[in-house]
Amino acid sequence: MKIYITADIEGVTGATIWDETDEKNAYYTELREQMTAEVAAACEGALNAGATEIWIKDAHGWGRNILPARLPREVQLVRAWSGHPFGMMQELDETFHAALAIGYHSRAGSNGSPLAHTMTGKMAYFKINGQYASEFMVSAYTAGLVRVPVVFLSGDAALCQEAQAFIPGLSTVAVMRGVGNATVSLHPYLTVERIRAGVEAALKADVSKCRVPMPGHFSVELGYKNHADARYASFFPGVNLIEPHTVEFEANDYFEVLRFFLFCVA
């Protein structure tokens, strides 16, 4: 069984302020340790469920956050960024049995976390086919593109609730909830235990129930905080500037949507 894990940091236990997520800041070390522990727990749960090969995309910031020596030997770790449009799902393909998302967070424009955002801080909101989109949704559709079920998610409570509405069969572990600029988090050890058990159970269940339904057409609307960013994006082929801060893009192929994100969001 070959398993894919995509991991971020703003949705791990205790993540509260931006300084903690920045490798240049002293606060970062503790959160990096917790991110690694939660990813390692997901690996252990996958191995308990019968996984023989695990690929992990370190998908936060500079892409070099996870401490490799803390991971099981069955892991291959993807660090930094290749420039491929799959982004946070780099190296995913149809050979994987299932995908997991660890440490994900609420979307831009929401109040589920003090660190709510989508892909970059310059976005006010994302919409895909009229629905507000998180990084989890972007990644889940990427998995759907190569027909890999997304079976497990850990992160803040608001994202978990939103994600289960998107993929009804999805298993989740909410490790914290946002309250204004504050968070209320589980104990780090309890988080690790719940992730390990949750991943094992999710992979032992019928993963086909977690296939992401792919629409035949994608209509994307991006709201930028800065009108100049929207104007810049409007020069990408097929993009229309519909308001000073807002652009739209349409495609039948989700890969084209990801290509648009690569050049106009990241």
C-alpha atoms as a PDB file:
ATOM      1  CA  MET A   1       0.000   0.000   0.000  1.00  0.00           C
ATOM      2  CA  LYS A   2       1.483   3.324  -1.130  1.00  0.00           C
ATOM      3  CA  ILE A   3       0.347   6.393   0.835  1.00  0.00           C
ATOM      4  CA  TYR A   4       0.787  10.113   0.175  1.00  0.00           C
ATOM      5  CA  ILE A   5       0.939  12.740   2.947  1.00  0.00           C
ATOM      6  CA  THR A   6       0.817  16.495   2.391  1.00  0.00           C
ATOM      7  CA  ALA A   7       1.809  18.494   5.468  1.00  0.00           C
ATOM      8  CA  ASP A   8       1.465  22.139   6.469  1.00  0.00           C
ATOM      9  CA  ILE A   9       2.266  23.888   9.757  1.00  0.00           C
ATOM     10  CA  GLU A  10      -0.461  26.471  10.502  1.00  0.00           C
ATOM     11  CA  GLY A  11      -2.887  23.691  11.455  1.00  0.00           C
ATOM     12  CA  VAL A  12      -0.722  21.761  13.917  1.00  0.00           C
ATOM     13  CA  THR A  13      -1.401  21.811  17.639  1.00  0.00           C
ATOM     14  CA  GLY A  14      -0.563  25.161  19.206  1.00  0.00           C
ATOM     15  CA  ALA A  15      -0.004  27.169  15.998  1.00  0.00           C
ATOM     16  CA  THR A  16      -1.244  30.661  16.868  1.00  0.00           C
ATOM     17  CA  ILE A  17       0.953  33.494  15.557  1.00  0.00           C
ATOM     18  CA  TRP A  18       2.796  33.998  12.272  1.00  0.00           C
ATOM     19  CA  ASP A  19       6.215  34.229  13.963  1.00  0.00           C
ATOM     20  CA  GLU A  20       5.905  30.584  15.003  1.00  0.00           C
ATOM     21  CA  THR A  21       5.634  29.519  11.362  1.00  0.00           C
ATOM     22  CA  ASP A  22       8.678  31.461  10.133  1.00  0.00           C
ATOM     23  CA  GLU A  23      11.988  29.600  10.005  1.00  0.00           C
ATOM     24  CA  LYS A  24      13.824  32.873  10.688  1.00  0.00           C
ATOM     25  CA  ASN A  25      12.138  33.285  14.082  1.00  0.00           C
ATOM     26  CA  ALA A  26      13.161  31.672  17.373  1.00  0.00           C
ATOM     27  CA  TYR A  27       9.557  30.600  18.046  1.00  0.00           C
ATOM     28  CA  TYR A  28       9.647  28.377  14.946  1.00  0.00           C
ATOM     29  CA  THR A  29      11.681  25.538  16.475  1.00  0.00           C
ATOM     30  CA  GLU A  30       8.917  24.332  18.783  1.00  0.00           C
ATOM     31  CA  LEU A  31       6.262  24.320  16.068  1.00  0.00           C
ATOM     32  CA  ARG A  32       8.617  22.542  13.673  1.00  0.00           C
ATOM     33  CA  GLU A  33       9.020  19.795  16.262  1.00  0.00           C
ATOM     34  CA  GLN A  34       5.256  19.447  16.598  1.00  0.00           C
ATOM     35  CA  MET A  35       4.734  19.378  12.824  1.00  0.00           C
ATOM     36  CA  THR A  36       7.282  16.566  12.612  1.00  0.00           C
ATOM     37  CA  ALA A  37       5.628  14.660  15.461  1.00  0.00           C
ATOM     38  CA  GLU A  38       2.189  14.884  13.849  1.00  0.00           C
ATOM     39  CA  VAL A  39       3.509  13.755  10.455  1.00  0.00           C
ATOM     40  CA  ALA A  40       5.404  10.887  12.100  1.00  0.00           C
ATOM     41  CA  ALA A  41       2.199   9.835  13.882  1.00  0.00           C
ATOM     42  CA  ALA A  42       0.358   9.770  10.551  1.00  0.00           C
ATOM     43  CA  CYS A  43       3.127   7.575   9.142  1.00  0.00           C
ATOM     44  CA  GLU A  44       2.852   5.193  12.096  1.00  0.00           C
ATOM     45  CA  GLY A  45      -0.905   4.942  11.623  1.00  0.00           C
ATOM     46  CA  ALA A  46      -0.437   4.232   7.922  1.00  0.00           C
ATOM     47  CA  LEU A  47       2.145   1.524   8.642  1.00  0.00           C
ATOM     48  CA  ASN A  48      -0.189  -0.057  11.199  1.00  0.00           C
ATOM     49  CA  ALA A  49      -2.842  -0.171   8.477  1.00  0.00           C
ATOM     50  CA  GLY A  50      -0.508  -2.013   6.100  1.00  0.00           C
ATOM     51  CA  ALA A  51       1.319   0.742   4.214  1.00  0.00           C
ATOM     52  CA  THR A  52       4.639  -0.334   2.721  1.00  0.00           C
ATOM     53  CA  GLU A  53       5.637   2.966   1.118  1.00  0.00           C
ATOM     54  CA  ILE A  54       4.904   6.547   2.235  1.00  0.00           C
ATOM     55  CA  TRP A  55       5.649   9.761   0.371  1.00  0.00           C
ATOM     56  CA  ILE A  56       5.511  13.070   2.243  1.00  0.00           C
ATOM     57  CA  LYS A  57       5.381  16.571   0.780  1.00  0.00           C
ATOM     58  CA  ASP A  58       6.719  19.158   3.201  1.00  0.00           C
ATOM     59  CA  ALA A  59       4.304  21.834   2.030  1.00  0.00           C
ATOM     60  CA  HIS A  60       4.868  24.814   4.297  1.00  0.00           C
ATOM     61  CA  GLY A  61       6.847  27.908   3.389  1.00  0.00           C
ATOM     62  CA  TRP A  62      10.320  26.988   2.241  1.00  0.00           C
ATOM     63  CA  GLY A  63       9.393  23.274   2.236  1.00  0.00           C
ATOM     64  CA  ARG A  64      12.169  22.228   4.632  1.00  0.00           C
ATOM     65  CA  ASN A  65      10.429  22.058   7.988  1.00  0.00           C
ATOM     66  CA  ILE A  66      10.045  18.357   8.795  1.00  0.00           C
ATOM     67  CA  LEU A  67      12.989  16.696  10.569  1.00  0.00           C
ATOM     68  CA  PRO A  68      13.737  13.675   8.349  1.00  0.00           C
ATOM     69  CA  ALA A  69      15.471  11.519  10.981  1.00  0.00           C
ATOM     70  CA  ARG A  70      12.276  11.480  13.080  1.00  0.00           C
ATOM     71  CA  LEU A  71      10.355   9.662  10.321  1.00  0.00           C
ATOM     72  CA  PRO A  72      10.053   5.913   9.676  1.00  0.00           C
ATOM     73  CA  ARG A  73      12.401   4.231   7.211  1.00  0.00           C
ATOM     74  CA  GLU A  74       9.546   3.601   4.757  1.00  0.00           C
ATOM     75  CA  VAL A  75       9.266   7.322   4.006  1.00  0.00           C
ATOM     76  CA  GLN A  76      10.405   9.332   1.016  1.00  0.00           C
ATOM     77  CA  LEU A  77      10.363  13.041   1.836  1.00  0.00           C
ATOM     78  CA  VAL A  78       9.797  15.734  -0.812  1.00  0.00           C
ATOM     79  CA  ARG A  79      11.464  18.976   0.326  1.00  0.00           C
ATOM     80  CA  ALA A  80      11.438  22.489  -1.183  1.00  0.00           C
ATOM     81  CA  TRP A  81       9.595  23.315  -4.412  1.00  0.00           C
ATOM     82  CA  SER A  82      10.098  21.981  -7.927  1.00  0.00           C
ATOM     83  CA  GLY A  83       7.872  24.569  -9.639  1.00  0.00           C
ATOM     84  CA  HIS A  84       5.355  21.918 -10.709  1.00  0.00           C
ATOM     85  CA  PRO A  85       1.703  23.098 -10.661  1.00  0.00           C
ATOM     86  CA  PHE A  86       0.751  20.306  -8.212  1.00  0.00           C
ATOM     87  CA  GLY A  87       2.476  22.397  -5.524  1.00  0.00           C
ATOM     88  CA  MET A  88       1.470  21.027  -2.123  1.00  0.00           C
ATOM     89  CA  MET A  89       0.760  17.669  -3.789  1.00  0.00           C
ATOM     90  CA  GLN A  90       4.010  17.385  -5.769  1.00  0.00           C
ATOM     91  CA  GLU A  91       4.852  13.807  -6.907  1.00  0.00           C
ATOM     92  CA  LEU A  92       1.290  12.552  -6.379  1.00  0.00           C
ATOM     93  CA  ASP A  93       0.064  10.245  -9.130  1.00  0.00           C
ATOM     94  CA  GLU A  94      -2.404   7.424  -9.732  1.00  0.00           C
ATOM     95  CA  THR A  95      -0.112   4.801  -8.140  1.00  0.00           C
ATOM     96  CA  PHE A  96      -1.068   5.923  -4.610  1.00  0.00           C
ATOM     97  CA  HIS A  97      -3.734   4.092  -2.603  1.00  0.00           C
ATOM     98  CA  ALA A  98      -4.825   7.174  -0.638  1.00  0.00           C
ATOM     99  CA  ALA A  99      -3.787  10.679   0.441  1.00  0.00           C
ATOM    100  CA  LEU A 100      -3.693  12.325   3.891  1.00  0.00           C
ATOM    101  CA  ALA A 101      -3.432  16.001   4.883  1.00  0.00           C
ATOM    102  CA  ILE A 102      -1.717  16.947   8.154  1.00  0.00           C
ATOM    103  CA  GLY A 103      -1.534  20.400   9.758  1.00  0.00           C
ATOM    104  CA  TYR A 104      -3.894  22.122   7.325  1.00  0.00           C
ATOM    105  CA  HIS A 105      -5.737  25.326   8.256  1.00  0.00           C
ATOM    106  CA  SER A 106      -8.821  27.439   7.590  1.00  0.00           C
ATOM    107  CA  ARG A 107      -9.234  29.346   4.343  1.00  0.00           C
ATOM    108  CA  ALA A 108      -8.640  32.996   3.569  1.00  0.00           C
ATOM    109  CA  GLY A 109     -11.559  35.180   4.586  1.00  0.00           C
ATOM    110  CA  SER A 110     -12.690  32.866   7.400  1.00  0.00           C
ATOM    111  CA  ASN A 111     -12.394  33.132  11.189  1.00  0.00           C
ATOM    112  CA  GLY A 112     -11.484  29.523  11.918  1.00  0.00           C
ATOM    113  CA  SER A 113      -7.900  30.319  12.860  1.00  0.00           C
ATOM    114  CA  PRO A 114      -5.706  33.379  13.521  1.00  0.00           C
ATOM    115  CA  LEU A 115      -3.559  31.993  10.680  1.00  0.00           C
ATOM    116  CA  ALA A 116      -6.389  31.555   8.164  1.00  0.00           C
ATOM    117  CA  HIS A 117      -5.185  32.050   4.592  1.00  0.00           C
ATOM    118  CA  THR A 118      -5.146  30.347   1.218  1.00  0.00           C
ATOM    119  CA  MET A 119      -1.731  29.756  -0.348  1.00  0.00           C
ATOM    120  CA  THR A 120      -0.440  33.278   0.266  1.00  0.00           C
ATOM    121  CA  GLY A 121      -1.213  36.244   2.477  1.00  0.00           C
ATOM    122  CA  LYS A 122      -2.085  38.448  -0.479  1.00  0.00           C
ATOM    123  CA  MET A 123      -5.429  36.720  -1.085  1.00  0.00           C
ATOM    124  CA  ALA A 124      -8.682  37.977   0.443  1.00  0.00           C
ATOM    125  CA  TYR A 125     -10.530  34.863  -0.742  1.00  0.00           C
ATOM    126  CA  PHE A 126     -10.633  32.000  -3.253  1.00  0.00           C
ATOM    127  CA  LYS A 127     -13.759  30.606  -4.875  1.00  0.00           C
ATOM    128  CA  ILE A 128     -14.006  27.440  -6.940  1.00  0.00           C
ATOM    129  CA  ASN A 129     -17.355  26.948  -8.657  1.00  0.00           C
ATOM    130  CA  GLY A 130     -18.908  29.494  -6.319  1.00  0.00           C
ATOM    131  CA  GLN A 131     -17.643  27.826  -3.138  1.00  0.00           C
ATOM    132  CA  TYR A 132     -15.058  29.445  -0.868  1.00  0.00           C
ATOM    133  CA  ALA A 133     -11.897  27.373  -1.159  1.00  0.00           C
ATOM    134  CA  SER A 134      -9.175  26.396   1.303  1.00  0.00           C
ATOM    135  CA  GLU A 135      -5.765  24.946   0.562  1.00  0.00           C
ATOM    136  CA  PHE A 136      -7.297  21.605   1.495  1.00  0.00           C
ATOM    137  CA  MET A 137      -9.879  21.948  -1.278  1.00  0.00           C
ATOM    138  CA  VAL A 138      -7.182  22.913  -3.781  1.00  0.00           C
ATOM    139  CA  SER A 139      -5.133  19.854  -2.748  1.00  0.00           C
ATOM    140  CA  ALA A 140      -8.145  17.533  -2.681  1.00  0.00           C
ATOM    141  CA  TYR A 141      -9.103  18.453  -6.236  1.00  0.00           C
ATOM    142  CA  THR A 142      -5.487  17.757  -7.219  1.00  0.00           C
ATOM    143  CA  ALA A 143      -5.855  14.271  -5.758  1.00  0.00           C
ATOM    144  CA  GLY A 144      -9.153  13.903  -7.597  1.00  0.00           C
ATOM    145  CA  LEU A 145      -7.395  14.749 -10.845  1.00  0.00           C
ATOM    146  CA  VAL A 146      -5.302  11.564 -10.524  1.00  0.00           C
ATOM    147  CA  ARG A 147      -8.153   9.575  -8.876  1.00  0.00           C
ATOM    148  CA  VAL A 148      -6.535   9.223  -5.455  1.00  0.00           C
ATOM    149  CA  PRO A 149      -8.980   9.245  -2.501  1.00  0.00           C
ATOM    150  CA  VAL A 150      -8.363  11.780   0.275  1.00  0.00           C
ATOM    151  CA  VAL A 151      -9.191   9.877   3.459  1.00  0.00           C
ATOM    152  CA  PHE A 152      -7.844  11.879   6.415  1.00  0.00           C
ATOM    153  CA  LEU A 153      -7.320  15.465   7.538  1.00  0.00           C
ATOM    154  CA  SER A 154      -5.940  17.051  10.700  1.00  0.00           C
ATOM    155  CA  GLY A 155      -6.066  20.768  11.398  1.00  0.00           C
ATOM    156  CA  ASP A 156      -8.284  23.392  12.985  1.00  0.00           C
ATOM    157  CA  ALA A 157     -11.893  22.586  13.808  1.00  0.00           C
ATOM    158  CA  ALA A 158     -13.468  24.983  11.308  1.00  0.00           C
ATOM    159  CA  LEU A 159     -11.510  23.487   8.419  1.00  0.00           C
ATOM    160  CA  CYS A 160     -12.364  19.941   9.503  1.00  0.00           C
ATOM    161  CA  GLN A 161     -16.073  20.765   9.511  1.00  0.00           C
ATOM    162  CA  GLU A 162     -15.865  22.445   6.105  1.00  0.00           C
ATOM    163  CA  ALA A 163     -13.825  19.586   4.629  1.00  0.00           C
ATOM    164  CA  GLN A 164     -16.275  16.917   5.786  1.00  0.00           C
ATOM    165  CA  ALA A 165     -19.054  18.737   3.962  1.00  0.00           C
ATOM    166  CA  PHE A 166     -16.869  18.646   0.842  1.00  0.00           C
ATOM    167  CA  ILE A 167     -15.857  14.962   1.214  1.00  0.00           C
ATOM    168  CA  PRO A 168     -18.535  13.264   3.377  1.00  0.00           C
ATOM    169  CA  GLY A 169     -16.481  10.104   3.974  1.00  0.00           C
ATOM    170  CA  LEU A 170     -13.424  12.022   5.190  1.00  0.00           C
ATOM    171  CA  SER A 171     -11.972  11.204   8.636  1.00  0.00           C
ATOM    172  CA  THR A 172     -10.726  14.220  10.585  1.00  0.00           C
ATOM    173  CA  VAL A 173      -8.926  15.124  13.791  1.00  0.00           C
ATOM    174  CA  ALA A 174      -9.479  18.693  14.959  1.00  0.00           C
ATOM    175  CA  VAL A 175      -6.400  19.625  16.962  1.00  0.00           C
ATOM    176  CA  MET A 176      -7.419  23.195  17.813  1.00  0.00           C
ATOM    177  CA  ARG A 177      -9.990  25.926  17.263  1.00  0.00           C
ATOM    178  CA  GLY A 178      -9.512  29.619  16.646  1.00  0.00           C
ATOM    179  CA  VAL A 179     -11.060  32.294  18.866  1.00  0.00           C
ATOM    180  CA  GLY A 180     -10.254  35.697  17.406  1.00  0.00           C
ATOM    181  CA  ASN A 181      -6.470  35.985  17.552  1.00  0.00           C
ATOM    182  CA  ALA A 182      -6.264  33.139  20.077  1.00  0.00           C
ATOM    183  CA  THR A 183      -6.383  29.348  19.780  1.00  0.00           C
ATOM    184  CA  VAL A 184      -7.558  26.543  22.049  1.00  0.00           C
ATOM    185  CA  SER A 185      -5.479  23.422  21.351  1.00  0.00           C
ATOM    186  CA  LEU A 186      -5.300  19.784  22.360  1.00  0.00           C
ATOM    187  CA  HIS A 187      -2.296  18.603  24.320  1.00  0.00           C
ATOM    188  CA  PRO A 188       0.474  17.777  21.806  1.00  0.00           C
ATOM    189  CA  TYR A 189       0.719  14.150  22.952  1.00  0.00           C
ATOM    190  CA  LEU A 190      -3.049  13.659  22.668  1.00  0.00           C
ATOM    191  CA  THR A 191      -2.967  15.107  19.156  1.00  0.00           C
ATOM    192  CA  VAL A 192      -0.296  12.600  18.142  1.00  0.00           C
ATOM    193  CA  GLU A 193      -2.326   9.707  19.585  1.00  0.00           C
ATOM    194  CA  ARG A 194      -5.499  10.775  17.794  1.00  0.00           C
ATOM    195  CA  ILE A 195      -3.760  11.276  14.461  1.00  0.00           C
ATOM    196  CA  ARG A 196      -2.076   7.858  14.668  1.00  0.00           C
ATOM    197  CA  ALA A 197      -5.350   6.105  15.479  1.00  0.00           C
ATOM    198  CA  GLY A 198      -7.392   8.172  13.012  1.00  0.00           C
ATOM    199  CA  VAL A 199      -5.095   7.467  10.076  1.00  0.00           C
ATOM    200  CA  GLU A 200      -5.020   3.743  10.823  1.00  0.00           C
ATOM    201  CA  ALA A 201      -8.809   3.561  10.971  1.00  0.00           C
ATOM    202  CA  ALA A 202      -9.270   5.657   7.830  1.00  0.00           C
ATOM    203  CA  LEU A 203      -6.940   3.450   5.786  1.00  0.00           C
ATOM    204  CA  LYS A 204      -8.550   0.232   7.042  1.00  0.00           C
ATOM    205  CA  ALA A 205     -11.963   1.498   5.903  1.00  0.00           C
ATOM    206  CA  ASP A 206     -13.313   1.663   2.341  1.00  0.00           C
ATOM    207  CA  VAL A 207     -11.140   4.426   0.878  1.00  0.00           C
ATOM    208  CA  SER A 208     -13.192   4.535  -2.334  1.00  0.00           C
ATOM    209  CA  LYS A 209     -15.861   6.448  -0.398  1.00  0.00           C
ATOM    210  CA  CYS A 210     -13.421   9.373  -0.207  1.00  0.00           C
ATOM    211  CA  ARG A 211     -12.842   9.893  -3.912  1.00  0.00           C
ATOM    212  CA  VAL A 212     -13.165  13.567  -4.760  1.00  0.00           C
ATOM    213  CA  PRO A 213     -15.902  14.191  -7.347  1.00  0.00           C
ATOM    214  CA  MET A 214     -14.407  16.196 -10.197  1.00  0.00           C
ATOM    215  CA  PRO A 215     -16.675  18.767 -11.890  1.00  0.00           C
ATOM    216  CA  GLY A 216     -16.704  18.892 -15.664  1.00  0.00           C
ATOM    217  CA  HIS A 217     -15.954  22.603 -15.546  1.00  0.00           C
ATOM    218  CA  PHE A 218     -14.118  24.906 -13.138  1.00  0.00           C
ATOM    219  CA  SER A 219     -14.959  28.547 -12.599  1.00  0.00           C
ATOM    220  CA  VAL A 220     -12.431  30.226 -10.315  1.00  0.00           C
ATOM    221  CA  GLU A 221     -12.712  33.641  -8.689  1.00  0.00           C
ATOM    222  CA  LEU A 222      -9.790  35.171  -6.824  1.00  0.00           C
ATOM    223  CA  GLY A 223     -10.111  38.180  -4.563  1.00  0.00           C
ATOM    224  CA  TYR A 224      -6.821  39.974  -3.920  1.00  0.00           C
ATOM    225  CA  LYS A 225      -6.182  42.339  -1.020  1.00  0.00           C
ATOM    226  CA  ASN A 226      -4.186  44.624  -3.319  1.00  0.00           C
ATOM    227  CA  HIS A 227      -5.781  45.783  -6.578  1.00  0.00           C
ATOM    228  CA  ALA A 228      -2.351  45.855  -8.279  1.00  0.00           C
ATOM    229  CA  ASP A 229      -2.016  42.086  -7.781  1.00  0.00           C
ATOM    230  CA  ALA A 230      -5.367  41.544  -9.473  1.00  0.00           C
ATOM    231  CA  ARG A 231      -4.300  43.692 -12.408  1.00  0.00           C
ATOM    232  CA  TYR A 232      -1.064  41.711 -12.725  1.00  0.00           C
ATOM    233  CA  ALA A 233      -2.993  38.404 -12.724  1.00  0.00           C
ATOM    234  CA  SER A 234      -5.357  39.697 -15.388  1.00  0.00           C
ATOM    235  CA  PHE A 235      -2.607  39.382 -18.007  1.00  0.00           C
ATOM    236  CA  PHE A 236      -2.454  35.584 -17.607  1.00  0.00           C
ATOM    237  CA  PRO A 237      -4.104  33.939 -20.664  1.00  0.00           C
ATOM    238  CA  GLY A 238      -7.834  33.467 -20.138  1.00  0.00           C
ATOM    239  CA  VAL A 239      -8.091  35.631 -17.011  1.00  0.00           C
ATOM    240  CA  ASN A 240     -10.656  38.436 -16.779  1.00  0.00           C
ATOM    241  CA  LEU A 241     -10.469  41.396 -14.390  1.00  0.00           C
ATOM    242  CA  ILE A 242     -14.069  41.692 -13.181  1.00  0.00           C
ATOM    243  CA  GLU A 243     -13.511  44.211 -10.353  1.00  0.00           C
ATOM    244  CA  PRO A 244     -10.417  46.149  -9.235  1.00  0.00           C
ATOM    245  CA  HIS A 245      -9.508  43.446  -6.706  1.00  0.00           C
ATOM    246  CA  THR A 246     -11.039  40.422  -8.428  1.00  0.00           C
ATOM    247  CA  VAL A 247     -10.238  38.155 -11.361  1.00  0.00           C
ATOM    248  CA  GLU A 248     -11.956  35.097 -12.811  1.00  0.00           C
ATOM    249  CA  PHE A 249     -10.642  32.119 -14.750  1.00  0.00           C
ATOM    250  CA  GLU A 250     -12.444  29.170 -16.321  1.00  0.00           C
ATOM    251  CA  ALA A 251     -11.254  25.774 -17.533  1.00  0.00           C
ATOM    252  CA  ASN A 252     -12.533  22.250 -18.046  1.00  0.00           C
ATOM    253  CA  ASP A 253      -9.206  20.729 -16.991  1.00  0.00           C
ATOM    254  CA  TYR A 254      -8.241  21.212 -13.337  1.00  0.00           C
ATOM    255  CA  PHE A 255      -4.562  21.074 -14.278  1.00  0.00           C
ATOM    256  CA  GLU A 256      -5.103  24.381 -16.093  1.00  0.00           C
ATOM    257  CA  VAL A 257      -6.537  25.800 -12.873  1.00  0.00           C
ATOM    258  CA  LEU A 258      -3.397  24.692 -11.037  1.00  0.00           C
ATOM    259  CA  ARG A 259      -1.234  26.276 -13.726  1.00  0.00           C
ATOM    260  CA  PHE A 260      -3.185  29.528 -13.213  1.00  0.00           C
ATOM    261  CA  PHE A 261      -2.615  29.327  -9.440  1.00  0.00           C
ATOM    262  CA  LEU A 262       1.115  28.726  -9.960  1.00  0.00           C
ATOM    263  CA  PHE A 263       1.569  31.971 -11.897  1.00  0.00           C
ATOM    264  CA  CYS A 264      -1.083  34.193 -10.334  1.00  0.00           C
ATOM    265  CA  VAL A 265      -1.183  33.209  -6.653  1.00  0.00           C
ATOM    266  CA  ALA A 266       2.068  31.644  -5.435  1.00  0.00           C
END
